C-alpha atoms as a PDB file:
ATOM      1  CA  MET A   1       6.925  -1.589   1.915  1.00  0.00           C
ATOM      2  CA  MET A   2       3.369  -0.958   0.741  1.00  0.00           C
ATOM      3  CA  ALA A   3       2.621   2.604  -0.265  1.00  0.00           C
ATOM      4  CA  LYS A   4       1.368   5.041   2.320  1.00  0.00           C
ATOM      5  CA  ILE A   5      -1.602   6.845   0.816  1.00  0.00           C
ATOM      6  CA  PHE A   6      -2.820  10.244   1.970  1.00  0.00           C
ATOM      7  CA  SER A   7      -5.574  12.475   0.686  1.00  0.00           C
ATOM      8  CA  VAL A   8      -4.617  16.131   1.044  1.00  0.00           C
ATOM      9  CA  THR A   9      -7.775  18.201   1.388  1.00  0.00           C
ATOM     10  CA  GLY A  10      -8.821  21.751   2.161  1.00  0.00           C
ATOM     11  CA  TRP A  11     -10.402  24.851   0.745  1.00  0.00           C
ATOM     12  CA  SER A  12      -9.357  26.130  -2.661  1.00  0.00           C
ATOM     13  CA  GLY A  13      -6.218  28.242  -2.325  1.00  0.00           C
ATOM     14  CA  SER A  14      -5.285  26.809   1.079  1.00  0.00           C
ATOM     15  CA  GLY A  15      -1.880  25.497  -0.048  1.00  0.00           C
ATOM     16  CA  LYS A  16      -2.607  21.838  -0.850  1.00  0.00           C
ATOM     17  CA  THR A  17      -0.577  21.775  -4.062  1.00  0.00           C
ATOM     18  CA  THR A  18       2.303  23.654  -2.442  1.00  0.00           C
ATOM     19  CA  LEU A  19       2.393  21.215   0.480  1.00  0.00           C
ATOM     20  CA  ILE A  20       2.332  18.169  -1.808  1.00  0.00           C
ATOM     21  CA  ALA A  21       5.117  19.608  -3.986  1.00  0.00           C
ATOM     22  CA  ARG A  22       7.254  20.259  -0.897  1.00  0.00           C
ATOM     23  CA  LEU A  23       6.598  16.740   0.415  1.00  0.00           C
ATOM     24  CA  ILE A  24       7.498  15.246  -2.964  1.00  0.00           C
ATOM     25  CA  LYS A  25      10.815  17.125  -2.970  1.00  0.00           C
ATOM     26  CA  HIS A  26      11.525  15.977   0.579  1.00  0.00           C
ATOM     27  CA  PHE A  27      10.687  12.318  -0.030  1.00  0.00           C
ATOM     28  CA  LYS A  28      12.610  12.258  -3.324  1.00  0.00           C
ATOM     29  CA  SER A  29      15.648  13.701  -1.497  1.00  0.00           C
ATOM     30  CA  ILE A  30      15.647  10.585   0.722  1.00  0.00           C
ATOM     31  CA  ASN A  31      15.167   8.234  -2.245  1.00  0.00           C
ATOM     32  CA  GLN A  32      11.467   7.516  -1.783  1.00  0.00           C
ATOM     33  CA  ARG A  33       9.215   6.747  -4.740  1.00  0.00           C
ATOM     34  CA  VAL A  34       6.264   9.140  -4.949  1.00  0.00           C
ATOM     35  CA  ILE A  35       3.106   9.270  -7.042  1.00  0.00           C
ATOM     36  CA  ALA A  36       0.800  12.285  -6.957  1.00  0.00           C
ATOM     37  CA  VAL A  37      -2.726  12.406  -8.329  1.00  0.00           C
ATOM     38  CA  LYS A  38      -4.632  15.634  -8.894  1.00  0.00           C
ATOM     39  CA  GLY A  39      -8.395  15.241  -9.036  1.00  0.00           C
ATOM     40  CA  ALA A  40     -10.218  17.782 -11.165  1.00  0.00           C
ATOM     41  CA  PRO A  41     -13.773  18.325  -9.903  1.00  0.00           C
ATOM     42  CA  HIS A  42     -15.136  19.124 -13.344  1.00  0.00           C
ATOM     43  CA  LYS A  43     -14.858  17.568 -16.785  1.00  0.00           C
ATOM     44  CA  TYR A  44     -11.387  18.237 -18.120  1.00  0.00           C
ATOM     45  CA  TYR A  45      -9.904  17.314 -21.474  1.00  0.00           C
ATOM     46  CA  LEU A  46      -6.175  16.758 -21.574  1.00  0.00           C
ATOM     47  CA  GLU A  47      -6.369  16.753 -25.311  1.00  0.00           C
ATOM     48  CA  PRO A  48      -8.805  18.735 -27.475  1.00  0.00           C
ATOM     49  CA  GLU A  49     -11.214  16.761 -29.644  1.00  0.00           C
ATOM     50  CA  SER A  50      -9.205  17.360 -32.796  1.00  0.00           C
ATOM     51  CA  THR A  51      -6.074  15.601 -31.511  1.00  0.00           C
ATOM     52  CA  ASP A  52      -4.997  12.078 -32.280  1.00  0.00           C
ATOM     53  CA  THR A  53      -4.958  10.944 -28.640  1.00  0.00           C
ATOM     54  CA  PHE A  54      -8.567  12.069 -28.175  1.00  0.00           C
ATOM     55  CA  LYS A  55      -9.540  10.145 -31.309  1.00  0.00           C
ATOM     56  CA  PHE A  56      -7.798   7.021 -29.976  1.00  0.00           C
ATOM     57  CA  LEU A  57      -9.728   7.228 -26.692  1.00  0.00           C
ATOM     58  CA  GLU A  58     -13.012   7.883 -28.496  1.00  0.00           C
ATOM     59  CA  ALA A  59     -12.375   4.877 -30.752  1.00  0.00           C
ATOM     60  CA  GLY A  60     -12.221   2.702 -27.645  1.00  0.00           C
ATOM     61  CA  SER A  61      -8.518   2.237 -26.883  1.00  0.00           C
ATOM     62  CA  ASP A  62      -8.133   0.988 -23.295  1.00  0.00           C
ATOM     63  CA  MET A  63      -5.184   3.308 -22.725  1.00  0.00           C
ATOM     64  CA  VAL A  64      -3.513   6.024 -24.731  1.00  0.00           C
ATOM     65  CA  PHE A  65      -0.034   7.356 -24.116  1.00  0.00           C
ATOM     66  CA  LEU A  66       1.258  10.718 -25.256  1.00  0.00           C
ATOM     67  CA  ALA A  67       5.042  10.737 -25.520  1.00  0.00           C
ATOM     68  CA  ALA A  68       6.775  14.100 -25.499  1.00  0.00           C
ATOM     69  CA  LYS A  69      10.309  15.168 -24.706  1.00  0.00           C
ATOM     70  CA  ASN A  70      11.074  13.930 -21.143  1.00  0.00           C
ATOM     71  CA  GLU A  71       7.418  13.161 -20.389  1.00  0.00           C
ATOM     72  CA  LEU A  72       4.975  10.308 -20.872  1.00  0.00           C
ATOM     73  CA  LEU A  73       1.331  11.007 -20.222  1.00  0.00           C
ATOM     74  CA  SER A  74      -1.065   8.082 -19.883  1.00  0.00           C
ATOM     75  CA  MET A  75      -4.795   8.457 -20.419  1.00  0.00           C
ATOM     76  CA  LYS A  76      -7.515   5.972 -19.615  1.00  0.00           C
ATOM     77  CA  ARG A  77     -11.229   6.509 -19.965  1.00  0.00           C
ATOM     78  CA  ILE A  78     -13.091   5.830 -16.706  1.00  0.00           C
ATOM     79  CA  ASP A  79     -16.787   5.655 -15.907  1.00  0.00           C
ATOM     80  CA  ASP A  80     -16.707   7.307 -12.473  1.00  0.00           C
ATOM     81  CA  THR A  81     -14.412   8.411  -9.652  1.00  0.00           C
ATOM     82  CA  ASN A  82     -14.327   4.947  -8.078  1.00  0.00           C
ATOM     83  CA  ASP A  83     -12.546   3.712 -11.210  1.00  0.00           C
ATOM     84  CA  VAL A  84      -9.674   6.044 -10.311  1.00  0.00           C
ATOM     85  CA  PHE A  85      -9.096   4.118  -7.091  1.00  0.00           C
ATOM     86  CA  ALA A  86      -9.170   0.784  -8.909  1.00  0.00           C
ATOM     87  CA  VAL A  87      -6.483   2.015 -11.318  1.00  0.00           C
ATOM     88  CA  LEU A  88      -4.387   3.471  -8.477  1.00  0.00           C
ATOM     89  CA  GLU A  89      -4.548   0.147  -6.644  1.00  0.00           C
ATOM     90  CA  SER A  90      -2.308  -1.332  -9.347  1.00  0.00           C
ATOM     91  CA  TYR A  91       0.345   1.343  -8.666  1.00  0.00           C
ATOM     92  CA  LYS A  92       0.561   0.909  -4.875  1.00  0.00           C
ATOM     93  CA  ASP A  93       3.517  -1.472  -5.120  1.00  0.00           C
ATOM     94  CA  ASN A  94       5.423   0.966  -7.358  1.00  0.00           C
ATOM     95  CA  CYS A  95       5.722   3.763  -4.820  1.00  0.00           C
ATOM     96  CA  ASP A  96       6.392   4.524  -1.186  1.00  0.00           C
ATOM     97  CA  PHE A  97       3.958   7.446  -0.981  1.00  0.00           C
ATOM     98  CA  LEU A  98       0.826   8.199  -2.965  1.00  0.00           C
ATOM     99  CA  PHE A  99      -0.654  11.668  -2.576  1.00  0.00           C
ATOM    100  CA  LEU A 100      -4.196  12.465  -3.651  1.00  0.00           C
ATOM    101  CA  GLU A 101      -5.340  16.053  -4.093  1.00  0.00           C
ATOM    102  CA  GLY A 102      -9.011  16.609  -4.705  1.00  0.00           C
ATOM    103  CA  LEU A 103      -9.881  12.931  -4.240  1.00  0.00           C
ATOM    104  CA  ARG A 104     -11.048  11.166  -1.112  1.00  0.00           C
ATOM    105  CA  LYS A 105     -12.323   7.753  -0.190  1.00  0.00           C
ATOM    106  CA  ASN A 106     -13.267   6.108   3.094  1.00  0.00           C
ATOM    107  CA  GLY A 107     -10.263   4.372   4.594  1.00  0.00           C
ATOM    108  CA  ILE A 108      -7.700   6.767   3.094  1.00  0.00           C
ATOM    109  CA  PRO A 109      -6.334   9.144   5.745  1.00  0.00           C
ATOM    110  CA  MET A 110      -7.112  12.810   5.110  1.00  0.00           C
ATOM    111  CA  ILE A 111      -4.782  15.633   5.993  1.00  0.00           C
ATOM    112  CA  GLU A 112      -6.346  19.064   5.675  1.00  0.00           C
ATOM    113  CA  VAL A 113      -4.369  22.152   4.756  1.00  0.00           C
ATOM    114  CA  PHE A 114      -5.965  25.177   6.400  1.00  0.00           C
ATOM    115  CA  ASP A 115      -5.106  28.851   5.989  1.00  0.00           C
ATOM    116  CA  SER A 116      -6.760  30.888   8.744  1.00  0.00           C
ATOM    117  CA  THR A 117      -6.177  34.114   6.807  1.00  0.00           C
ATOM    118  CA  LYS A 118      -8.504  32.893   4.028  1.00  0.00           C
ATOM    119  CA  ASN A 119     -11.161  30.839   5.825  1.00  0.00           C
ATOM    120  CA  ASN A 120     -12.857  30.868   9.238  1.00  0.00           C
ATOM    121  CA  THR A 121     -13.087  27.114   9.756  1.00  0.00           C
ATOM    122  CA  PRO A 122     -11.527  23.983   8.300  1.00  0.00           C
ATOM    123  CA  LYS A 123     -13.426  22.387   5.419  1.00  0.00           C
ATOM    124  CA  PHE A 124     -13.872  19.033   7.171  1.00  0.00           C
ATOM    125  CA  PRO A 125     -14.784  18.155  10.764  1.00  0.00           C
ATOM    126  CA  PHE A 126     -11.826  17.014  12.859  1.00  0.00           C
ATOM    127  CA  HIS A 127     -13.231  13.493  13.323  1.00  0.00           C
ATOM    128  CA  GLN A 128     -12.846  12.924   9.565  1.00  0.00           C
ATOM    129  CA  LEU A 129      -9.217  14.101   9.526  1.00  0.00           C
ATOM    130  CA  THR A 130      -5.973  12.357  10.394  1.00  0.00           C
ATOM    131  CA  ALA A 131      -4.053  15.619  10.855  1.00  0.00           C
ATOM    132  CA  ILE A 132      -4.244  19.296  10.018  1.00  0.00           C
ATOM    133  CA  VAL A 133      -1.532  21.497   8.502  1.00  0.00           C
ATOM    134  CA  SER A 134      -2.037  25.183   9.140  1.00  0.00           C
ATOM    135  CA  ASP A 135      -0.512  28.595   9.592  1.00  0.00           C
ATOM    136  CA  LYS A 136      -1.390  28.430  13.327  1.00  0.00           C
ATOM    137  CA  PRO A 137      -2.551  25.802  15.869  1.00  0.00           C
ATOM    138  CA  ILE A 138      -6.204  24.891  15.297  1.00  0.00           C
ATOM    139  CA  THR A 139      -7.156  22.009  17.603  1.00  0.00           C
ATOM    140  CA  GLU A 140      -5.814  19.486  20.095  1.00  0.00           C
ATOM    141  CA  GLU A 141      -8.161  16.743  18.835  1.00  0.00           C
ATOM    142  CA  ILE A 142      -5.790  15.656  16.048  1.00  0.00           C
ATOM    143  CA  PRO A 143      -2.116  16.252  15.244  1.00  0.00           C
ATOM    144  CA  ASN A 144      -1.418  19.826  14.080  1.00  0.00           C
ATOM    145  CA  PHE A 145       1.573  20.825  11.993  1.00  0.00           C
ATOM    146  CA  ASN A 146       2.804  24.202  10.920  1.00  0.00           C
ATOM    147  CA  ILE A 147       2.750  24.545   7.139  1.00  0.00           C
ATOM    148  CA  ASP A 148       6.546  24.984   7.131  1.00  0.00           C
ATOM    149  CA  ASN A 149       7.265  21.876   9.248  1.00  0.00           C
ATOM    150  CA  ILE A 150       7.911  19.546   6.295  1.00  0.00           C
ATOM    151  CA  ILE A 151      10.182  17.308   8.392  1.00  0.00           C
ATOM    152  CA  GLY A 152       7.502  16.892  11.081  1.00  0.00           C
ATOM    153  CA  ILE A 153       4.738  16.261   8.537  1.00  0.00           C
ATOM    154  CA  SER A 154       6.842  13.750   6.601  1.00  0.00           C
ATOM    155  CA  LYS A 155       7.834  11.937   9.818  1.00  0.00           C
ATOM    156  CA  PHE A 156       4.166  11.727  10.804  1.00  0.00           C
ATOM    157  CA  MET A 157       3.369  10.244   7.382  1.00  0.00           C
ATOM    158  CA  GLU A 158       6.208   7.737   7.594  1.00  0.00           C
ATOM    159  CA  ASP A 159       5.113   6.579  11.059  1.00  0.00           C
ATOM    160  CA  TYR A 160       1.360   6.607  10.417  1.00  0.00           C
ATOM    161  CA  ASN A 161      -0.260   3.175  10.594  1.00  0.00           C
ATOM    162  CA  GLY A 162      -3.948   4.114  10.901  1.00  0.00           C
END
């Protein structure tokens, strides 16, 4: 099975990370392979300039790995956001679900998380969205899921063929 890819979008603080974490737990509980990618909108250094891994990247290494107890972090210098999608393309066969937070691209279905207690309107127009996850029903134009309906959301993702 080729990976199902979804971009989880919404306003800051809407619950995107919480939803993705809950979906990961659910899919892992049924033996699915999951990759999650968090896009940071601003420049972000995983390693300060004085560290060895930073020096390796600056020297021109194509990839740098940082091995720590029970974790392996890979770093790759990219020129722009589109490079992220090229790298992720090589991982599609290694997972069942790929979740993007803070990254979007035409052709990748977007699911918006919306908290009506924090914002008046969703961040994106409904015609750009595949579904909406919210604290209350928002529209009949696209599928709506309650934020706590992890089974319903995951079933929708499994069945989605858009």
